[in-house]
Amino acid sequence: THTTADSMFGGPQPVDDIRANSKVHHLASFAFDSFKEHCAANGLDSCAAFEDAEMLHVLSASTQSDHGTKYHIECEVTTGRMSLQIRQEIWTKNLELLSANFATEGQVFVNALDSKLQLDSQAFSGLSASVR
């Protein structure tokens, strides 16, 4: 349950539209694909479990006002679940993946991202504009 105080002071707010053509789904898919590219380019061992994984759908999402909009997105991928935190600052064109946690069935989430990952906000803006 979210109170009026939560809304006024930037508490998490559930995202209702998490369908395949929603902004949240496209953002999660874009961040996940960018993260996989980062893993491949840097040979990160923590990424082995999902290097061939594909994003299936968003399970839940919320947003929070925090120096822009912070998205908390849990999604299902072909090899398990990902929990992503993404910050978007439209006015500075900043888009970054703050955390990426992965879990296979029956496991707890494990942090798979070693540090924040800058995402290509221009590429995402073009992608999201083309699907509207």
N, C-alpha and C. Protein backbone atom coordinates (compact mmCIF):
# COMPACT_ATOMS: atom_id res chain seq x y z
N THR A 1 0.84 -1.18 0.00
CA THR A 1 0.00 0.00 0.00
C THR A 1 0.89 1.24 0.00
N HIS A 2 0.56 2.16 -0.88
CA HIS A 2 1.34 3.39 -1.00
C HIS A 2 0.52 4.54 -0.46
N THR A 3 1.15 5.36 0.34
CA THR A 3 0.46 6.50 0.93
C THR A 3 0.69 7.74 0.09
N THR A 4 -0.06 8.77 0.39
CA THR A 4 0.14 10.05 -0.28
C THR A 4 1.54 10.57 -0.01
N ALA A 5 2.05 10.34 1.17
CA ALA A 5 3.42 10.77 1.51
C ALA A 5 4.43 10.07 0.61
N ASP A 6 4.22 8.77 0.30
CA ASP A 6 5.11 8.06 -0.61
C ASP A 6 5.15 8.76 -1.96
N SER A 7 3.99 9.15 -2.47
CA SER A 7 3.91 9.80 -3.77
C SER A 7 4.60 11.15 -3.75
N MET A 8 4.42 11.90 -2.67
CA MET A 8 4.97 13.24 -2.59
C MET A 8 6.49 13.21 -2.44
N PHE A 9 7.02 12.23 -1.75
CA PHE A 9 8.44 12.21 -1.44
C PHE A 9 9.22 11.15 -2.20
N GLY A 10 8.70 10.69 -3.30
CA GLY A 10 9.45 9.79 -4.16
C GLY A 10 9.45 8.33 -3.76
N GLY A 11 8.44 7.88 -3.02
CA GLY A 11 8.36 6.46 -2.70
C GLY A 11 8.08 5.64 -3.96
N PRO A 12 8.38 4.35 -3.93
CA PRO A 12 8.15 3.50 -5.10
C PRO A 12 6.68 3.49 -5.51
N GLN A 13 6.45 3.56 -6.81
CA GLN A 13 5.11 3.52 -7.35
C GLN A 13 5.02 2.37 -8.36
N PRO A 14 4.04 1.49 -8.23
CA PRO A 14 3.94 0.38 -9.17
C PRO A 14 3.67 0.87 -10.59
N VAL A 15 4.21 0.16 -11.56
CA VAL A 15 3.96 0.44 -12.97
C VAL A 15 2.88 -0.53 -13.43
N ASP A 16 1.78 0.00 -13.95
CA ASP A 16 0.67 -0.84 -14.36
C ASP A 16 0.91 -1.52 -15.71
N ASP A 17 1.51 -0.79 -16.65
CA ASP A 17 1.67 -1.33 -18.00
C ASP A 17 3.05 -1.99 -18.14
N ILE A 18 3.06 -3.31 -18.07
CA ILE A 18 4.31 -4.06 -18.22
C ILE A 18 4.22 -5.02 -19.41
N ARG A 19 3.26 -4.77 -20.30
CA ARG A 19 3.09 -5.62 -21.48
C ARG A 19 4.31 -5.54 -22.40
N ALA A 20 4.37 -6.43 -23.35
CA ALA A 20 5.52 -6.53 -24.26
C ALA A 20 5.78 -5.26 -25.06
N ASN A 21 4.78 -4.45 -25.30
CA ASN A 21 4.99 -3.22 -26.07
C ASN A 21 5.09 -1.97 -25.18
N SER A 22 5.23 -2.16 -23.87
CA SER A 22 5.30 -1.02 -22.95
C SER A 22 6.71 -0.44 -22.89
N LYS A 23 6.80 0.78 -22.41
CA LYS A 23 8.11 1.43 -22.23
C LYS A 23 8.97 0.62 -21.26
N VAL A 24 8.39 0.14 -20.18
CA VAL A 24 9.14 -0.60 -19.18
C VAL A 24 9.71 -1.89 -19.78
N HIS A 25 8.92 -2.58 -20.58
CA HIS A 25 9.42 -3.80 -21.22
C HIS A 25 10.58 -3.48 -22.16
N HIS A 26 10.44 -2.43 -22.96
CA HIS A 26 11.51 -2.04 -23.89
C HIS A 26 12.75 -1.59 -23.13
N LEU A 27 12.57 -0.89 -22.03
CA LEU A 27 13.70 -0.44 -21.22
C LEU A 27 14.44 -1.64 -20.62
N ALA A 28 13.69 -2.59 -20.08
CA ALA A 28 14.31 -3.79 -19.50
C ALA A 28 15.05 -4.60 -20.56
N SER A 29 14.43 -4.77 -21.70
CA SER A 29 15.05 -5.52 -22.79
C SER A 29 16.32 -4.83 -23.29
N PHE A 30 16.25 -3.51 -23.44
CA PHE A 30 17.41 -2.72 -23.88
C PHE A 30 18.55 -2.82 -22.87
N ALA A 31 18.23 -2.68 -21.59
CA ALA A 31 19.25 -2.75 -20.54
C ALA A 31 19.85 -4.15 -20.46
N PHE A 32 19.01 -5.18 -20.57
CA PHE A 32 19.49 -6.56 -20.52
C PHE A 32 20.42 -6.86 -21.69
N ASP A 33 20.02 -6.46 -22.90
CA ASP A 33 20.86 -6.68 -24.08
C ASP A 33 22.18 -5.91 -23.96
N SER A 34 22.12 -4.67 -23.48
CA SER A 34 23.34 -3.87 -23.29
C SER A 34 24.24 -4.51 -22.25
N PHE A 35 23.64 -5.05 -21.20
CA PHE A 35 24.41 -5.71 -20.15
C PHE A 35 25.10 -6.96 -20.70
N LYS A 36 24.40 -7.74 -21.51
CA LYS A 36 25.01 -8.93 -22.11
C LYS A 36 26.18 -8.54 -23.01
N GLU A 37 26.05 -7.45 -23.77
CA GLU A 37 27.15 -6.97 -24.60
C GLU A 37 28.34 -6.56 -23.74
N HIS A 38 28.07 -5.88 -22.63
CA HIS A 38 29.11 -5.48 -21.68
C HIS A 38 29.83 -6.72 -21.14
N CYS A 39 29.07 -7.74 -20.78
CA CYS A 39 29.65 -8.97 -20.26
C CYS A 39 30.56 -9.63 -21.30
N ALA A 40 30.07 -9.72 -22.52
CA ALA A 40 30.85 -10.37 -23.58
C ALA A 40 32.14 -9.59 -23.86
N ALA A 41 32.04 -8.27 -23.87
CA ALA A 41 33.21 -7.43 -24.17
C ALA A 41 34.25 -7.48 -23.07
N ASN A 42 33.81 -7.75 -21.84
CA ASN A 42 34.72 -7.72 -20.70
C ASN A 42 35.03 -9.11 -20.11
N GLY A 43 34.47 -10.16 -20.71
CA GLY A 43 34.73 -11.51 -20.25
C GLY A 43 34.41 -11.76 -18.79
N LEU A 44 33.30 -11.24 -18.31
CA LEU A 44 32.93 -11.38 -16.90
C LEU A 44 32.39 -12.78 -16.60
N ASP A 45 33.00 -13.45 -15.63
CA ASP A 45 32.57 -14.79 -15.23
C ASP A 45 31.15 -14.79 -14.68
N SER A 46 30.76 -13.70 -14.05
CA SER A 46 29.43 -13.62 -13.43
C SER A 46 28.31 -13.65 -14.47
N CYS A 47 28.65 -13.52 -15.74
CA CYS A 47 27.64 -13.47 -16.80
C CYS A 47 27.42 -14.79 -17.51
N ALA A 48 28.20 -15.81 -17.20
CA ALA A 48 28.13 -17.08 -17.92
C ALA A 48 26.73 -17.69 -17.92
N ALA A 49 26.00 -17.54 -16.84
CA ALA A 49 24.68 -18.17 -16.71
C ALA A 49 23.64 -17.61 -17.66
N PHE A 50 23.86 -16.44 -18.19
CA PHE A 50 22.84 -15.87 -19.08
C PHE A 50 23.40 -15.26 -20.35
N GLU A 51 24.60 -15.66 -20.76
CA GLU A 51 25.19 -15.09 -21.97
C GLU A 51 24.35 -15.39 -23.21
N ASP A 52 23.64 -16.53 -23.23
CA ASP A 52 22.79 -16.87 -24.36
C ASP A 52 21.30 -16.67 -24.05
N ALA A 53 21.01 -16.08 -22.90
CA ALA A 53 19.62 -15.90 -22.47
C ALA A 53 18.93 -14.82 -23.29
N GLU A 54 17.64 -14.95 -23.38
CA GLU A 54 16.78 -13.96 -24.04
C GLU A 54 15.75 -13.47 -23.03
N MET A 55 15.41 -12.21 -23.15
CA MET A 55 14.38 -11.62 -22.30
C MET A 55 13.02 -12.16 -22.74
N LEU A 56 12.22 -12.63 -21.78
CA LEU A 56 10.89 -13.14 -22.09
C LEU A 56 9.82 -12.10 -21.80
N HIS A 57 9.72 -11.66 -20.54
CA HIS A 57 8.72 -10.66 -20.19
C HIS A 57 9.03 -10.05 -18.82
N VAL A 58 8.39 -8.93 -18.57
CA VAL A 58 8.51 -8.24 -17.29
C VAL A 58 7.50 -8.85 -16.33
N LEU A 59 7.97 -9.19 -15.14
CA LEU A 59 7.09 -9.75 -14.11
C LEU A 59 6.48 -8.67 -13.24
N SER A 60 7.29 -7.66 -12.90
CA SER A 60 6.80 -6.54 -12.09
C SER A 60 7.74 -5.36 -12.29
N ALA A 61 7.22 -4.18 -12.01
CA ALA A 61 8.04 -2.97 -12.15
C ALA A 61 7.49 -1.88 -11.25
N SER A 62 8.41 -1.03 -10.80
CA SER A 62 8.01 0.17 -10.06
C SER A 62 8.97 1.29 -10.44
N THR A 63 8.54 2.50 -10.20
CA THR A 63 9.38 3.67 -10.44
C THR A 63 9.49 4.46 -9.15
N GLN A 64 10.56 5.24 -9.08
CA GLN A 64 10.78 6.09 -7.91
C GLN A 64 11.51 7.34 -8.38
N SER A 65 11.10 8.49 -7.88
CA SER A 65 11.79 9.73 -8.19
C SER A 65 13.07 9.77 -7.37
N ASP A 66 14.21 9.82 -8.06
CA ASP A 66 15.51 9.81 -7.40
C ASP A 66 16.53 10.36 -8.40
N HIS A 67 16.71 11.68 -8.40
CA HIS A 67 17.59 12.31 -9.39
C HIS A 67 17.22 11.83 -10.79
N GLY A 68 15.97 11.93 -11.12
CA GLY A 68 15.41 11.40 -12.35
C GLY A 68 14.41 10.32 -11.97
N THR A 69 14.28 9.33 -12.81
CA THR A 69 13.38 8.23 -12.52
C THR A 69 14.19 6.96 -12.38
N LYS A 70 14.02 6.29 -11.25
CA LYS A 70 14.68 5.01 -11.03
C LYS A 70 13.63 3.92 -11.25
N TYR A 71 13.97 2.99 -12.12
CA TYR A 71 13.10 1.86 -12.41
C TYR A 71 13.63 0.62 -11.69
N HIS A 72 12.74 -0.09 -11.03
CA HIS A 72 13.03 -1.39 -10.42
C HIS A 72 12.21 -2.38 -11.24
N ILE A 73 12.89 -3.22 -12.00
CA ILE A 73 12.19 -4.11 -12.92
C ILE A 73 12.64 -5.55 -12.67
N GLU A 74 11.69 -6.42 -12.45
CA GLU A 74 11.98 -7.84 -12.36
C GLU A 74 11.44 -8.49 -13.62
N CYS A 75 12.32 -9.23 -14.30
CA CYS A 75 11.90 -9.85 -15.55
C CYS A 75 12.33 -11.30 -15.62
N GLU A 76 11.63 -12.05 -16.45
CA GLU A 76 11.98 -13.44 -16.68
C GLU A 76 12.79 -13.52 -17.96
N VAL A 77 13.89 -14.24 -17.89
CA VAL A 77 14.72 -14.51 -19.06
C VAL A 77 14.74 -16.03 -19.23
N THR A 78 15.23 -16.49 -20.37
CA THR A 78 15.16 -17.92 -20.66
C THR A 78 15.92 -18.80 -19.68
N THR A 79 16.86 -18.24 -18.92
CA THR A 79 17.64 -19.04 -17.97
C THR A 79 17.37 -18.70 -16.51
N GLY A 80 16.38 -17.89 -16.23
CA GLY A 80 16.07 -17.53 -14.85
C GLY A 80 15.36 -16.20 -14.74
N ARG A 81 15.73 -15.44 -13.71
CA ARG A 81 15.12 -14.13 -13.48
C ARG A 81 16.21 -13.09 -13.33
N MET A 82 15.90 -11.88 -13.79
CA MET A 82 16.79 -10.73 -13.61
C MET A 82 16.03 -9.67 -12.83
N SER A 83 16.74 -9.03 -11.93
CA SER A 83 16.21 -7.88 -11.22
C SER A 83 17.11 -6.71 -11.60
N LEU A 84 16.54 -5.73 -12.29
CA LEU A 84 17.30 -4.61 -12.82
C LEU A 84 16.91 -3.31 -12.13
N GLN A 85 17.90 -2.46 -11.87
CA GLN A 85 17.64 -1.09 -11.42
C GLN A 85 18.26 -0.18 -12.46
N ILE A 86 17.44 0.69 -13.01
CA ILE A 86 17.86 1.59 -14.10
C ILE A 86 17.48 3.00 -13.72
N ARG A 87 18.39 3.94 -13.92
CA ARG A 87 18.08 5.36 -13.68
C ARG A 87 18.07 6.10 -15.01
N GLN A 88 17.01 6.88 -15.22
CA GLN A 88 16.89 7.69 -16.43
C GLN A 88 16.71 9.15 -16.03
N GLU A 89 17.59 10.00 -16.57
CA GLU A 89 17.49 11.45 -16.39
C GLU A 89 17.29 12.04 -17.78
N ILE A 90 16.07 12.34 -18.12
CA ILE A 90 15.74 12.81 -19.45
C ILE A 90 16.44 14.13 -19.77
N TRP A 91 16.49 15.04 -18.80
CA TRP A 91 17.06 16.36 -19.07
C TRP A 91 18.57 16.32 -19.30
N THR A 92 19.27 15.33 -18.78
CA THR A 92 20.72 15.22 -19.01
C THR A 92 21.04 14.12 -20.02
N LYS A 93 19.99 13.45 -20.51
CA LYS A 93 20.15 12.32 -21.42
C LYS A 93 21.00 11.21 -20.80
N ASN A 94 20.90 11.06 -19.50
CA ASN A 94 21.64 10.03 -18.79
C ASN A 94 20.75 8.80 -18.59
N LEU A 95 21.28 7.65 -18.94
CA LEU A 95 20.58 6.38 -18.74
C LEU A 95 21.63 5.39 -18.27
N GLU A 96 21.41 4.83 -17.07
CA GLU A 96 22.41 3.91 -16.55
C GLU A 96 21.77 2.73 -15.84
N LEU A 97 22.43 1.60 -15.98
CA LEU A 97 22.04 0.39 -15.27
C LEU A 97 22.78 0.41 -13.94
N LEU A 98 22.02 0.52 -12.85
CA LEU A 98 22.62 0.62 -11.52
C LEU A 98 22.94 -0.75 -10.93
N SER A 99 22.09 -1.72 -11.19
CA SER A 99 22.34 -3.07 -10.71
C SER A 99 21.63 -4.08 -11.60
N ALA A 100 22.21 -5.26 -11.65
CA ALA A 100 21.64 -6.38 -12.39
C ALA A 100 21.87 -7.62 -11.55
N ASN A 101 20.81 -8.16 -11.02
CA ASN A 101 20.90 -9.35 -10.18
C ASN A 101 20.21 -10.50 -10.89
N PHE A 102 20.83 -11.67 -10.81
CA PHE A 102 20.36 -12.83 -11.55
C PHE A 102 20.09 -13.99 -10.61
N ALA A 103 19.05 -14.76 -10.90
CA ALA A 103 18.77 -15.98 -10.14
C ALA A 103 18.19 -17.03 -11.07
N THR A 104 18.69 -18.26 -10.92
CA THR A 104 18.05 -19.37 -11.61
C THR A 104 16.99 -19.92 -10.67
N GLU A 105 16.20 -20.83 -11.14
CA GLU A 105 15.11 -21.37 -10.33
C GLU A 105 15.63 -21.94 -9.01
N GLY A 106 15.03 -21.52 -7.92
CA GLY A 106 15.40 -22.01 -6.61
C GLY A 106 16.61 -21.34 -5.98
N GLN A 107 17.23 -20.39 -6.66
CA GLN A 107 18.39 -19.69 -6.10
C GLN A 107 18.01 -18.27 -5.70
N VAL A 108 18.84 -17.69 -4.84
CA VAL A 108 18.66 -16.29 -4.48
C VAL A 108 19.34 -15.43 -5.54
N PHE A 109 18.96 -14.17 -5.61
CA PHE A 109 19.56 -13.26 -6.57
C PHE A 109 21.03 -13.01 -6.24
N VAL A 110 21.85 -13.03 -7.26
CA VAL A 110 23.28 -12.77 -7.14
C VAL A 110 23.62 -11.56 -8.00
N ASN A 111 24.39 -10.63 -7.45
CA ASN A 111 24.78 -9.44 -8.19
C ASN A 111 25.69 -9.84 -9.36
N ALA A 112 25.31 -9.48 -10.56
CA ALA A 112 26.10 -9.84 -11.74
C ALA A 112 26.80 -8.63 -12.35
N LEU A 113 26.57 -7.45 -11.81
CA LEU A 113 27.16 -6.23 -12.36
C LEU A 113 28.21 -5.70 -11.40
N ASP A 114 29.42 -5.47 -11.91
CA ASP A 114 30.51 -5.03 -11.05
C ASP A 114 30.47 -3.54 -10.73
N SER A 115 29.89 -2.74 -11.59
CA SER A 115 29.73 -1.30 -11.34
C SER A 115 28.62 -0.78 -12.25
N LYS A 116 28.23 0.47 -12.04
CA LYS A 116 27.19 1.06 -12.88
C LYS A 116 27.59 0.94 -14.35
N LEU A 117 26.60 0.75 -15.20
CA LEU A 117 26.85 0.64 -16.63
C LEU A 117 26.11 1.75 -17.35
N GLN A 118 26.85 2.60 -18.01
CA GLN A 118 26.25 3.68 -18.78
C GLN A 118 25.60 3.08 -20.01
N LEU A 119 24.34 3.39 -20.24
CA LEU A 119 23.61 2.88 -21.40
C LEU A 119 23.49 4.00 -22.44
N ASP A 120 23.28 3.62 -23.67
CA ASP A 120 23.18 4.58 -24.77
C ASP A 120 21.76 5.16 -24.80
N SER A 121 21.59 6.30 -24.14
CA SER A 121 20.24 6.89 -24.04
C SER A 121 19.70 7.32 -25.39
N GLN A 122 20.56 7.73 -26.29
CA GLN A 122 20.10 8.13 -27.62
C GLN A 122 19.55 6.94 -28.39
N ALA A 123 20.24 5.80 -28.30
CA ALA A 123 19.75 4.59 -28.96
C ALA A 123 18.41 4.15 -28.35
N PHE A 124 18.29 4.22 -27.01
CA PHE A 124 17.04 3.85 -26.39
C PHE A 124 15.92 4.80 -26.78
N SER A 125 16.20 6.10 -26.83
CA SER A 125 15.18 7.08 -27.22
C SER A 125 14.68 6.79 -28.63
N GLY A 126 15.58 6.45 -29.53
CA GLY A 126 15.19 6.11 -30.89
C GLY A 126 14.36 4.86 -30.94
N LEU A 127 14.73 3.86 -30.14
CA LEU A 127 13.99 2.60 -30.08
C LEU A 127 12.61 2.84 -29.51
N SER A 128 12.51 3.55 -28.40
CA SER A 128 11.22 3.75 -27.77
C SER A 128 10.31 4.62 -28.62
N ALA A 129 10.87 5.56 -29.39
CA ALA A 129 10.05 6.39 -30.27
C ALA A 129 9.49 5.58 -31.43
N SER A 130 10.24 4.59 -31.89
CA SER A 130 9.80 3.79 -33.04
C SER A 130 8.72 2.78 -32.68
N VAL A 131 8.52 2.50 -31.39
CA VAL A 131 7.50 1.52 -30.99
C VAL A 131 6.23 2.15 -30.46
N ARG A 132 6.15 3.44 -30.44
CA ARG A 132 4.94 4.10 -29.93
C ARG A 132 3.79 4.00 -30.88
